[in-house]
Amino acid sequence: HKAQREGIVVAEVISGLNTKMDYRVVPSAIFSSPEISAVGLTEEEA
């Protein structure tokens, strides 16, 4: 999903739009049982 967003950004930049990539919010998930997901900063990182 990060790669897909980068694909959109690059196409829009080439087409002259004022678009930039922002990595501040990139959610992640592990499809275990139960599932695991995260976004932004953890307590330790903050």
ModelCIF file with pLDDT and N, C-alpha, C, O atoms, coordinates in Angstrom:
data_MODEL
#
_entry.id   MODEL 
#
_entity.id                         1 
_entity.type                       polymer 
_entity.pdbx_number_of_molecules   1 
#
_entity_poly.entity_id                      1 
_entity_poly.type                           'polypeptide(L)' 
_entity_poly.nstd_linkage                   no 
_entity_poly.nstd_monomer                   no 
_entity_poly.pdbx_seq_one_letter_code       HKAQREGIVVAEVISGLNTKMDYRVVPSAIFSSPEISAVGLTEEEA 
_entity_poly.pdbx_seq_one_letter_code_can   HKAQREGIVVAEVISGLNTKMDYRVVPSAIFSSPEISAVGLTEEEA 
_entity_poly.pdbx_strand_id                 A 
#
loop_
_entity_poly_seq.entity_id 
_entity_poly_seq.num 
_entity_poly_seq.mon_id 
_entity_poly_seq.hetero 
1 1  HIS n 
1 2  LYS n 
1 3  ALA n 
1 4  GLN n 
1 5  ARG n 
1 6  GLU n 
1 7  GLY n 
1 8  ILE n 
1 9  VAL n 
1 10 VAL n 
1 11 ALA n 
1 12 GLU n 
1 13 VAL n 
1 14 ILE n 
1 15 SER n 
1 16 GLY n 
1 17 LEU n 
1 18 ASN n 
1 19 THR n 
1 20 LYS n 
1 21 MET n 
1 22 ASP n 
1 23 TYR n 
1 24 ARG n 
1 25 VAL n 
1 26 VAL n 
1 27 PRO n 
1 28 SER n 
1 29 ALA n 
1 30 ILE n 
1 31 PHE n 
1 32 SER n 
1 33 SER n 
1 34 PRO n 
1 35 GLU n 
1 36 ILE n 
1 37 SER n 
1 38 ALA n 
1 39 VAL n 
1 40 GLY n 
1 41 LEU n 
1 42 THR n 
1 43 GLU n 
1 44 GLU n 
1 45 GLU n 
1 46 ALA n 
#
_struct_asym.id          A 
_struct_asym.entity_id   1 
#
loop_
_ma_qa_metric.id 
_ma_qa_metric.mode 
_ma_qa_metric.name 
_ma_qa_metric.software_group_id 
_ma_qa_metric.type 
1 global pLDDT . pLDDT 
2 local  pLDDT . pLDDT 
#
_ma_qa_metric_global.metric_id      1 
_ma_qa_metric_global.metric_value   96.33 
_ma_qa_metric_global.model_id       1 
_ma_qa_metric_global.ordinal_id     1 
#
loop_
_ma_qa_metric_local.label_asym_id 
_ma_qa_metric_local.label_comp_id 
_ma_qa_metric_local.label_seq_id 
_ma_qa_metric_local.metric_id 
_ma_qa_metric_local.metric_value 
_ma_qa_metric_local.model_id 
_ma_qa_metric_local.ordinal_id 
A HIS 1  2 96.00 1 1  
A LYS 2  2 97.00 1 2  
A ALA 3  2 97.00 1 3  
A GLN 4  2 97.00 1 4  
A ARG 5  2 98.00 1 5  
A GLU 6  2 98.00 1 6  
A GLY 7  2 98.00 1 7  
A ILE 8  2 98.00 1 8  
A VAL 9  2 98.00 1 9  
A VAL 10 2 98.00 1 10 
A ALA 11 2 98.00 1 11 
A GLU 12 2 98.00 1 12 
A VAL 13 2 98.00 1 13 
A ILE 14 2 98.00 1 14 
A SER 15 2 98.00 1 15 
A GLY 16 2 97.00 1 16 
A LEU 17 2 98.00 1 17 
A ASN 18 2 96.00 1 18 
A THR 19 2 97.00 1 19 
A LYS 20 2 97.00 1 20 
A MET 21 2 97.00 1 21 
A ASP 22 2 93.00 1 22 
A TYR 23 2 94.00 1 23 
A ARG 24 2 91.00 1 24 
A VAL 25 2 95.00 1 25 
A VAL 26 2 96.00 1 26 
A PRO 27 2 97.00 1 27 
A SER 28 2 96.00 1 28 
A ALA 29 2 96.00 1 29 
A ILE 30 2 96.00 1 30 
A PHE 31 2 95.00 1 31 
A SER 32 2 93.00 1 32 
A SER 33 2 92.00 1 33 
A PRO 34 2 94.00 1 34 
A GLU 35 2 96.00 1 35 
A ILE 36 2 96.00 1 36 
A SER 37 2 97.00 1 37 
A ALA 38 2 97.00 1 38 
A VAL 39 2 97.00 1 39 
A GLY 40 2 97.00 1 40 
A LEU 41 2 97.00 1 41 
A THR 42 2 96.00 1 42 
A GLU 43 2 96.00 1 43 
A GLU 44 2 95.00 1 44 
A GLU 45 2 96.00 1 45 
A ALA 46 2 96.00 1 46 
#
loop_
_atom_site.group_PDB 
_atom_site.id 
_atom_site.type_symbol 
_atom_site.label_atom_id 
_atom_site.label_alt_id 
_atom_site.label_comp_id 
_atom_site.label_asym_id 
_atom_site.label_entity_id 
_atom_site.label_seq_id 
_atom_site.pdbx_PDB_ins_code 
_atom_site.Cartn_x 
_atom_site.Cartn_y 
_atom_site.Cartn_z 
_atom_site.occupancy 
_atom_site.B_iso_or_equiv 
_atom_site.pdbx_formal_charge 
_atom_site.auth_seq_id 
_atom_site.auth_comp_id 
_atom_site.auth_asym_id 
_atom_site.auth_atom_id 
_atom_site.pdbx_PDB_model_num 
ATOM 1   N N  . HIS A 1 1  ? 0.830  -1.208  0.000   1.00 96.00 ? 1  HIS A N  1 
ATOM 2   C CA . HIS A 1 1  ? 0.000  0.000   0.000   1.00 96.00 ? 1  HIS A CA 1 
ATOM 3   C C  . HIS A 1 1  ? 0.865  1.259   0.000   1.00 96.00 ? 1  HIS A C  1 
ATOM 4   O O  . HIS A 1 1  ? 0.467  2.277   -0.566  1.00 96.00 ? 1  HIS A O  1 
ATOM 5   N N  . LYS A 1 2  ? 2.025  1.206   0.617   1.00 97.00 ? 2  LYS A N  1 
ATOM 6   C CA . LYS A 1 2  ? 2.979  2.318   0.527   1.00 97.00 ? 2  LYS A CA 1 
ATOM 7   C C  . LYS A 1 2  ? 3.439  2.471   -0.920  1.00 97.00 ? 2  LYS A C  1 
ATOM 8   O O  . LYS A 1 2  ? 3.501  3.584   -1.442  1.00 97.00 ? 2  LYS A O  1 
ATOM 9   N N  . ALA A 1 3  ? 3.762  1.351   -1.564  1.00 97.00 ? 3  ALA A N  1 
ATOM 10  C CA . ALA A 1 3  ? 4.206  1.371   -2.950  1.00 97.00 ? 3  ALA A CA 1 
ATOM 11  C C  . ALA A 1 3  ? 3.128  1.932   -3.874  1.00 97.00 ? 3  ALA A C  1 
ATOM 12  O O  . ALA A 1 3  ? 3.429  2.692   -4.794  1.00 97.00 ? 3  ALA A O  1 
ATOM 13  N N  . GLN A 1 4  ? 1.883  1.559   -3.629  1.00 97.00 ? 4  GLN A N  1 
ATOM 14  C CA . GLN A 1 4  ? 0.794  2.064   -4.462  1.00 97.00 ? 4  GLN A CA 1 
ATOM 15  C C  . GLN A 1 4  ? 0.666  3.587   -4.335  1.00 97.00 ? 4  GLN A C  1 
ATOM 16  O O  . GLN A 1 4  ? 0.463  4.284   -5.329  1.00 97.00 ? 4  GLN A O  1 
ATOM 17  N N  . ARG A 1 5  ? 0.784  4.084   -3.130  1.00 98.00 ? 5  ARG A N  1 
ATOM 18  C CA . ARG A 1 5  ? 0.717  5.536   -2.934  1.00 98.00 ? 5  ARG A CA 1 
ATOM 19  C C  . ARG A 1 5  ? 1.871  6.214   -3.656  1.00 98.00 ? 5  ARG A C  1 
ATOM 20  O O  . ARG A 1 5  ? 1.680  7.262   -4.273  1.00 98.00 ? 5  ARG A O  1 
ATOM 21  N N  . GLU A 1 6  ? 3.061  5.637   -3.592  1.00 98.00 ? 6  GLU A N  1 
ATOM 22  C CA . GLU A 1 6  ? 4.210  6.192   -4.306  1.00 98.00 ? 6  GLU A CA 1 
ATOM 23  C C  . GLU A 1 6  ? 3.956  6.199   -5.811  1.00 98.00 ? 6  GLU A C  1 
ATOM 24  O O  . GLU A 1 6  ? 4.363  7.128   -6.509  1.00 98.00 ? 6  GLU A O  1 
ATOM 25  N N  . GLY A 1 7  ? 3.281  5.161   -6.311  1.00 98.00 ? 7  GLY A N  1 
ATOM 26  C CA . GLY A 1 7  ? 2.949  5.108   -7.729  1.00 98.00 ? 7  GLY A CA 1 
ATOM 27  C C  . GLY A 1 7  ? 2.021  6.240   -8.138  1.00 98.00 ? 7  GLY A C  1 
ATOM 28  O O  . GLY A 1 7  ? 2.183  6.829   -9.207  1.00 98.00 ? 7  GLY A O  1 
ATOM 29  N N  . ILE A 1 8  ? 1.051  6.544   -7.289  1.00 98.00 ? 8  ILE A N  1 
ATOM 30  C CA . ILE A 1 8  ? 0.143  7.657   -7.566  1.00 98.00 ? 8  ILE A CA 1 
ATOM 31  C C  . ILE A 1 8  ? 0.895  8.985   -7.543  1.00 98.00 ? 8  ILE A C  1 
ATOM 32  O O  . ILE A 1 8  ? 0.721  9.835   -8.417  1.00 98.00 ? 8  ILE A O  1 
ATOM 33  N N  . VAL A 1 9  ? 1.748  9.143   -6.505  1.00 98.00 ? 9  VAL A N  1 
ATOM 34  C CA . VAL A 1 9  ? 2.507  10.395  -6.375  1.00 98.00 ? 9  VAL A CA 1 
ATOM 35  C C  . VAL A 1 9  ? 3.375  10.637  -7.600  1.00 98.00 ? 9  VAL A C  1 
ATOM 36  O O  . VAL A 1 9  ? 3.378  11.744  -8.140  1.00 98.00 ? 9  VAL A O  1 
ATOM 37  N N  . VAL A 1 10 ? 4.108  9.629   -8.048  1.00 98.00 ? 10 VAL A N  1 
ATOM 38  C CA . VAL A 1 10 ? 5.038  9.841   -9.157  1.00 98.00 ? 10 VAL A CA 1 
ATOM 39  C C  . VAL A 1 10 ? 4.290  10.162  -10.448 1.00 98.00 ? 10 VAL A C  1 
ATOM 40  O O  . VAL A 1 10 ? 4.744  10.991  -11.236 1.00 98.00 ? 10 VAL A O  1 
ATOM 41  N N  . ALA A 1 11 ? 3.151  9.513   -10.669 1.00 98.00 ? 11 ALA A N  1 
ATOM 42  C CA . ALA A 1 11 ? 2.370  9.795   -11.883 1.00 98.00 ? 11 ALA A CA 1 
ATOM 43  C C  . ALA A 1 11 ? 1.848  11.223  -11.862 1.00 98.00 ? 11 ALA A C  1 
ATOM 44  O O  . ALA A 1 11 ? 1.827  11.896  -12.893 1.00 98.00 ? 11 ALA A O  1 
ATOM 45  N N  . GLU A 1 12 ? 1.428  11.686  -10.693 1.00 98.00 ? 12 GLU A N  1 
ATOM 46  C CA . GLU A 1 12 ? 0.898  13.043  -10.585 1.00 98.00 ? 12 GLU A CA 1 
ATOM 47  C C  . GLU A 1 12 ? 2.008  14.082  -10.703 1.00 98.00 ? 12 GLU A C  1 
ATOM 48  O O  . GLU A 1 12 ? 1.799  15.144  -11.290 1.00 98.00 ? 12 GLU A O  1 
ATOM 49  N N  . VAL A 1 13 ? 3.178  13.792  -10.154 1.00 98.00 ? 13 VAL A N  1 
ATOM 50  C CA . VAL A 1 13 ? 4.323  14.712  -10.285 1.00 98.00 ? 13 VAL A CA 1 
ATOM 51  C C  . VAL A 1 13 ? 4.711  14.862  -11.758 1.00 98.00 ? 13 VAL A C  1 
ATOM 52  O O  . VAL A 1 13 ? 4.918  15.975  -12.241 1.00 98.00 ? 13 VAL A O  1 
ATOM 53  N N  . ILE A 1 14 ? 4.806  13.740  -12.461 1.00 98.00 ? 14 ILE A N  1 
ATOM 54  C CA . ILE A 1 14 ? 5.156  13.770  -13.884 1.00 98.00 ? 14 ILE A CA 1 
ATOM 55  C C  . ILE A 1 14 ? 4.104  14.548  -14.677 1.00 98.00 ? 14 ILE A C  1 
ATOM 56  O O  . ILE A 1 14 ? 4.423  15.199  -15.672 1.00 98.00 ? 14 ILE A O  1 
ATOM 57  N N  . SER A 1 15 ? 2.862  14.476  -14.230 1.00 98.00 ? 15 SER A N  1 
ATOM 58  C CA . SER A 1 15 ? 1.760  15.156  -14.931 1.00 98.00 ? 15 SER A CA 1 
ATOM 59  C C  . SER A 1 15 ? 1.606  16.620  -14.527 1.00 98.00 ? 15 SER A C  1 
ATOM 60  O O  . SER A 1 15 ? 0.687  17.304  -14.977 1.00 98.00 ? 15 SER A O  1 
ATOM 61  N N  . GLY A 1 16 ? 2.511  17.090  -13.680 1.00 97.00 ? 16 GLY A N  1 
ATOM 62  C CA . GLY A 1 16 ? 2.511  18.511  -13.335 1.00 97.00 ? 16 GLY A CA 1 
ATOM 63  C C  . GLY A 1 16 ? 1.716  18.895  -12.114 1.00 97.00 ? 16 GLY A C  1 
ATOM 64  O O  . GLY A 1 16 ? 1.560  20.082  -11.825 1.00 97.00 ? 16 GLY A O  1 
ATOM 65  N N  . LEU A 1 17 ? 1.201  17.895  -11.378 1.00 98.00 ? 17 LEU A N  1 
ATOM 66  C CA . LEU A 1 17 ? 0.451  18.201  -10.163 1.00 98.00 ? 17 LEU A CA 1 
ATOM 67  C C  . LEU A 1 17 ? 1.399  18.425  -8.988  1.00 98.00 ? 17 LEU A C  1 
ATOM 68  O O  . LEU A 1 17 ? 2.505  17.886  -8.964  1.00 98.00 ? 17 LEU A O  1 
ATOM 69  N N  . ASN A 1 18 ? 0.972  19.199  -8.040  1.00 96.00 ? 18 ASN A N  1 
ATOM 70  C CA . ASN A 1 18 ? 1.805  19.509  -6.870  1.00 96.00 ? 18 ASN A CA 1 
ATOM 71  C C  . ASN A 1 18 ? 1.565  18.450  -5.795  1.00 96.00 ? 18 ASN A C  1 
ATOM 72  O O  . ASN A 1 18 ? 0.882  18.703  -4.802  1.00 96.00 ? 18 ASN A O  1 
ATOM 73  N N  . THR A 1 19 ? 2.128  17.275  -6.002  1.00 97.00 ? 19 THR A N  1 
ATOM 74  C CA . THR A 1 19 ? 1.930  16.144  -5.098  1.00 97.00 ? 19 THR A CA 1 
ATOM 75  C C  . THR A 1 19 ? 3.272  15.722  -4.512  1.00 97.00 ? 19 THR A C  1 
ATOM 76  O O  . THR A 1 19 ? 4.291  15.712  -5.204  1.00 97.00 ? 19 THR A O  1 
ATOM 77  N N  . LYS A 1 20 ? 3.258  15.374  -3.229  1.00 97.00 ? 20 LYS A N  1 
ATOM 78  C CA . LYS A 1 20 ? 4.475  14.910  -2.566  1.00 97.00 ? 20 LYS A CA 1 
ATOM 79  C C  . LYS A 1 20 ? 4.144  13.690  -1.707  1.00 97.00 ? 20 LYS A C  1 
ATOM 80  O O  . LYS A 1 20 ? 3.012  13.521  -1.253  1.00 97.00 ? 20 LYS A O  1 
ATOM 81  N N  . MET A 1 21 ? 5.139  12.859  -1.497  1.00 97.00 ? 21 MET A N  1 
ATOM 82  C CA . MET A 1 21 ? 4.956  11.661  -0.678  1.00 97.00 ? 21 MET A CA 1 
ATOM 83  C C  . MET A 1 21 ? 5.135  11.996  0.790   1.00 97.00 ? 21 MET A C  1 
ATOM 84  O O  . MET A 1 21 ? 6.111  12.639  1.178   1.00 97.00 ? 21 MET A O  1 
ATOM 85  N N  . ASP A 1 22 ? 4.182  11.553  1.606   1.00 93.00 ? 22 ASP A N  1 
ATOM 86  C CA . ASP A 1 22 ? 4.218  11.788  3.043   1.00 93.00 ? 22 ASP A CA 1 
ATOM 87  C C  . ASP A 1 22 ? 4.209  10.431  3.740   1.00 93.00 ? 22 ASP A C  1 
ATOM 88  O O  . ASP A 1 22 ? 3.242  9.678   3.631   1.00 93.00 ? 22 ASP A O  1 
ATOM 89  N N  . TYR A 1 23 ? 5.299  10.122  4.462   1.00 94.00 ? 23 TYR A N  1 
ATOM 90  C CA . TYR A 1 23 ? 5.417  8.826   5.126   1.00 94.00 ? 23 TYR A CA 1 
ATOM 91  C C  . TYR A 1 23 ? 4.988  8.874   6.595   1.00 94.00 ? 23 TYR A C  1 
ATOM 92  O O  . TYR A 1 23 ? 5.192  7.910   7.333   1.00 94.00 ? 23 TYR A O  1 
ATOM 93  N N  . ARG A 1 24 ? 4.409  9.965   7.008   1.00 91.00 ? 24 ARG A N  1 
ATOM 94  C CA . ARG A 1 24 ? 4.031  10.100  8.414   1.00 91.00 ? 24 ARG A CA 1 
ATOM 95  C C  . ARG A 1 24 ? 2.986  9.061   8.824   1.00 91.00 ? 24 ARG A C  1 
ATOM 96  O O  . ARG A 1 24 ? 2.990  8.574   9.955   1.00 91.00 ? 24 ARG A O  1 
ATOM 97  N N  . VAL A 1 25 ? 2.103  8.735   7.901   1.00 95.00 ? 25 VAL A N  1 
ATOM 98  C CA . VAL A 1 25 ? 1.023  7.800   8.212   1.00 95.00 ? 25 VAL A CA 1 
ATOM 99  C C  . VAL A 1 25 ? 1.022  6.648   7.213   1.00 95.00 ? 25 VAL A C  1 
ATOM 100 O O  . VAL A 1 25 ? 0.421  6.739   6.143   1.00 95.00 ? 25 VAL A O  1 
ATOM 101 N N  . VAL A 1 26 ? 1.701  5.567   7.575   1.00 96.00 ? 26 VAL A N  1 
ATOM 102 C CA . VAL A 1 26 ? 1.705  4.349   6.758   1.00 96.00 ? 26 VAL A CA 1 
ATOM 103 C C  . VAL A 1 26 ? 1.345  3.182   7.666   1.00 96.00 ? 26 VAL A C  1 
ATOM 104 O O  . VAL A 1 26 ? 2.215  2.647   8.354   1.00 96.00 ? 26 VAL A O  1 
ATOM 105 N N  . PRO A 1 27 ? 0.084  2.780   7.681   1.00 97.00 ? 27 PRO A N  1 
ATOM 106 C CA . PRO A 1 27 ? -0.298 1.654   8.541   1.00 97.00 ? 27 PRO A CA 1 
ATOM 107 C C  . PRO A 1 27 ? 0.341  0.354   8.069   1.00 97.00 ? 27 PRO A C  1 
ATOM 108 O O  . PRO A 1 27 ? 0.660  0.193   6.891   1.00 97.00 ? 27 PRO A O  1 
ATOM 109 N N  . SER A 1 28 ? 0.521  -0.570  9.010   1.00 96.00 ? 28 SER A N  1 
ATOM 110 C CA . SER A 1 28 ? 1.063  -1.887  8.665   1.00 96.00 ? 28 SER A CA 1 
ATOM 111 C C  . SER A 1 28 ? 0.214  -2.955  9.331   1.00 96.00 ? 28 SER A C  1 
ATOM 112 O O  . SER A 1 28 ? -0.464 -2.696  10.325  1.00 96.00 ? 28 SER A O  1 
ATOM 113 N N  . ALA A 1 29 ? 0.256  -4.151  8.775   1.00 96.00 ? 29 ALA A N  1 
ATOM 114 C CA . ALA A 1 29 ? -0.531 -5.247  9.350   1.00 96.00 ? 29 ALA A CA 1 
ATOM 115 C C  . ALA A 1 29 ? 0.173  -6.570  9.125   1.00 96.00 ? 29 ALA A C  1 
ATOM 116 O O  . ALA A 1 29 ? 0.810  -6.789  8.095   1.00 96.00 ? 29 ALA A O  1 
ATOM 117 N N  . ILE A 1 30 ? 0.046  -7.445  10.110  1.00 96.00 ? 30 ILE A N  1 
ATOM 118 C CA . ILE A 1 30 ? 0.488  -8.827  9.987   1.00 96.00 ? 30 ILE A CA 1 
ATOM 119 C C  . ILE A 1 30 ? -0.752 -9.689  10.142  1.00 96.00 ? 30 ILE A C  1 
ATOM 120 O O  . ILE A 1 30 ? -1.483 -9.569  11.125  1.00 96.00 ? 30 ILE A O  1 
ATOM 121 N N  . PHE A 1 31 ? -0.988 -10.565 9.159   1.00 95.00 ? 31 PHE A N  1 
ATOM 122 C CA . PHE A 1 31 ? -2.244 -11.312 9.121   1.00 95.00 ? 31 PHE A CA 1 
ATOM 123 C C  . PHE A 1 31 ? -2.090 -12.653 9.831   1.00 95.00 ? 31 PHE A C  1 
ATOM 124 O O  . PHE A 1 31 ? -2.330 -13.718 9.263   1.00 95.00 ? 31 PHE A O  1 
ATOM 125 N N  . SER A 1 32 ? -1.683 -12.559 11.087  1.00 93.00 ? 32 SER A N  1 
ATOM 126 C CA . SER A 1 32 ? -1.555 -13.739 11.929  1.00 93.00 ? 32 SER A CA 1 
ATOM 127 C C  . SER A 1 32 ? -2.919 -14.029 12.548  1.00 93.00 ? 32 SER A C  1 
ATOM 128 O O  . SER A 1 32 ? -3.936 -13.523 12.074  1.00 93.00 ? 32 SER A O  1 
ATOM 129 N N  . SER A 1 33 ? -2.944 -14.828 13.586  1.00 92.00 ? 33 SER A N  1 
ATOM 130 C CA . SER A 1 33 ? -4.203 -15.114 14.265  1.00 92.00 ? 33 SER A CA 1 
ATOM 131 C C  . SER A 1 33 ? -3.975 -15.047 15.769  1.00 92.00 ? 33 SER A C  1 
ATOM 132 O O  . SER A 1 33 ? -3.441 -15.994 16.347  1.00 92.00 ? 33 SER A O  1 
ATOM 133 N N  . PRO A 1 34 ? -4.374 -13.924 16.435  1.00 94.00 ? 34 PRO A N  1 
ATOM 134 C CA . PRO A 1 34 ? -5.093 -12.786 15.859  1.00 94.00 ? 34 PRO A CA 1 
ATOM 135 C C  . PRO A 1 34 ? -4.161 -11.886 15.044  1.00 94.00 ? 34 PRO A C  1 
ATOM 136 O O  . PRO A 1 34 ? -2.940 -12.043 15.055  1.00 94.00 ? 34 PRO A O  1 
ATOM 137 N N  . GLU A 1 35 ? -4.780 -10.943 14.343  1.00 96.00 ? 35 GLU A N  1 
ATOM 138 C CA . GLU A 1 35 ? -4.009 -10.033 13.507  1.00 96.00 ? 35 GLU A CA 1 
ATOM 139 C C  . GLU A 1 35 ? -3.273 -8.990  14.346  1.00 96.00 ? 35 GLU A C  1 
ATOM 140 O O  . GLU A 1 35 ? -3.606 -8.738  15.504  1.00 96.00 ? 35 GLU A O  1 
ATOM 141 N N  . ILE A 1 36 ? -2.255 -8.393  13.713  1.00 96.00 ? 36 ILE A N  1 
ATOM 142 C CA . ILE A 1 36 ? -1.447 -7.354  14.355  1.00 96.00 ? 36 ILE A CA 1 
ATOM 143 C C  . ILE A 1 36 ? -1.391 -6.158  13.416  1.00 96.00 ? 36 ILE A C  1 
ATOM 144 O O  . ILE A 1 36 ? -1.158 -6.323  12.219  1.00 96.00 ? 36 ILE A O  1 
ATOM 145 N N  . SER A 1 37 ? -1.603 -4.953  13.943  1.00 97.00 ? 37 SER A N  1 
ATOM 146 C CA . SER A 1 37 ? -1.510 -3.771  13.090  1.00 97.00 ? 37 SER A CA 1 
ATOM 147 C C  . SER A 1 37 ? -0.970 -2.596  13.883  1.00 97.00 ? 37 SER A C  1 
ATOM 148 O O  . SER A 1 37 ? -1.018 -2.582  15.113  1.00 97.00 ? 37 SER A O  1 
ATOM 149 N N  . ALA A 1 38 ? -0.455 -1.608  13.158  1.00 97.00 ? 38 ALA A N  1 
ATOM 150 C CA . ALA A 1 38 ? 0.116  -0.427  13.809  1.00 97.00 ? 38 ALA A CA 1 
ATOM 151 C C  . ALA A 1 38 ? 0.124  0.743   12.837  1.00 97.00 ? 38 ALA A C  1 
ATOM 152 O O  . ALA A 1 38 ? 0.102  0.566   11.619  1.00 97.00 ? 38 ALA A O  1 
ATOM 153 N N  . VAL A 1 39 ? 0.155  1.947   13.409  1.00 97.00 ? 39 VAL A N  1 
ATOM 154 C CA . VAL A 1 39 ? 0.290  3.163   12.613  1.00 97.00 ? 39 VAL A CA 1 
ATOM 155 C C  . VAL A 1 39 ? 0.940  4.230   13.484  1.00 97.00 ? 39 VAL A C  1 
ATOM 156 O O  . VAL A 1 39 ? 0.748  4.250   14.700  1.00 97.00 ? 39 VAL A O  1 
ATOM 157 N N  . GLY A 1 40 ? 1.702  5.107   12.861  1.00 97.00 ? 40 GLY A N  1 
ATOM 158 C CA . GLY A 1 40 ? 2.310  6.201   13.604  1.00 97.00 ? 40 GLY A CA 1 
ATOM 159 C C  . GLY A 1 40 ? 3.354  5.737   14.594  1.00 97.00 ? 40 GLY A C  1 
ATOM 160 O O  . GLY A 1 40 ? 4.049  4.749   14.356  1.00 97.00 ? 40 GLY A O  1 
ATOM 161 N N  . LEU A 1 41 ? 3.467  6.452   15.713  1.00 97.00 ? 41 LEU A N  1 
ATOM 162 C CA . LEU A 1 41 ? 4.503  6.195   16.707  1.00 97.00 ? 41 LEU A CA 1 
ATOM 163 C C  . LEU A 1 41 ? 4.030  5.250   17.805  1.00 97.00 ? 41 LEU A C  1 
ATOM 164 O O  . LEU A 1 41 ? 2.870  5.280   18.216  1.00 97.00 ? 41 LEU A O  1 
ATOM 165 N N  . THR A 1 42 ? 4.957  4.410   18.272  1.00 96.00 ? 42 THR A N  1 
ATOM 166 C CA . THR A 1 42 ? 4.690  3.636   19.475  1.00 96.00 ? 42 THR A CA 1 
ATOM 167 C C  . THR A 1 42 ? 5.033  4.506   20.692  1.00 96.00 ? 42 THR A C  1 
ATOM 168 O O  . THR A 1 42 ? 5.606  5.587   20.554  1.00 96.00 ? 42 THR A O  1 
ATOM 169 N N  . GLU A 1 43 ? 4.678  4.023   21.863  1.00 96.00 ? 43 GLU A N  1 
ATOM 170 C CA . GLU A 1 43 ? 5.002  4.742   23.098  1.00 96.00 ? 43 GLU A CA 1 
ATOM 171 C C  . GLU A 1 43 ? 6.508  4.959   23.218  1.00 96.00 ? 43 GLU A C  1 
ATOM 172 O O  . GLU A 1 43 ? 6.953  6.050   23.577  1.00 96.00 ? 43 GLU A O  1 
ATOM 173 N N  . GLU A 1 44 ? 7.293  3.923   22.917  1.00 95.00 ? 44 GLU A N  1 
ATOM 174 C CA . GLU A 1 44 ? 8.750  4.018   23.034  1.00 95.00 ? 44 GLU A CA 1 
ATOM 175 C C  . GLU A 1 44 ? 9.326  5.010   22.030  1.00 95.00 ? 44 GLU A C  1 
ATOM 176 O O  . GLU A 1 44 ? 10.215 5.791   22.369  1.00 95.00 ? 44 GLU A O  1 
ATOM 177 N N  . GLU A 1 45 ? 8.823  4.984   20.796  1.00 96.00 ? 45 GLU A N  1 
ATOM 178 C CA . GLU A 1 45 ? 9.331  5.898   19.774  1.00 96.00 ? 45 GLU A CA 1 
ATOM 179 C C  . GLU A 1 45 ? 9.002  7.345   20.114  1.00 96.00 ? 45 GLU A C  1 
ATOM 180 O O  . GLU A 1 45 ? 9.830  8.232   19.907  1.00 96.00 ? 45 GLU A O  1 
ATOM 181 N N  . ALA A 1 46 ? 7.817  7.591   20.627  1.00 96.00 ? 46 ALA A N  1 
ATOM 182 C CA . ALA A 1 46 ? 7.421  8.953   21.005  1.00 96.00 ? 46 ALA A CA 1 
ATOM 183 C C  . ALA A 1 46 ? 8.323  9.490   22.108  1.00 96.00 ? 46 ALA A C  1 
ATOM 184 O O  . ALA A 1 46 ? 8.143  10.622  22.557  1.00 96.00 ? 46 ALA A O  1 
#
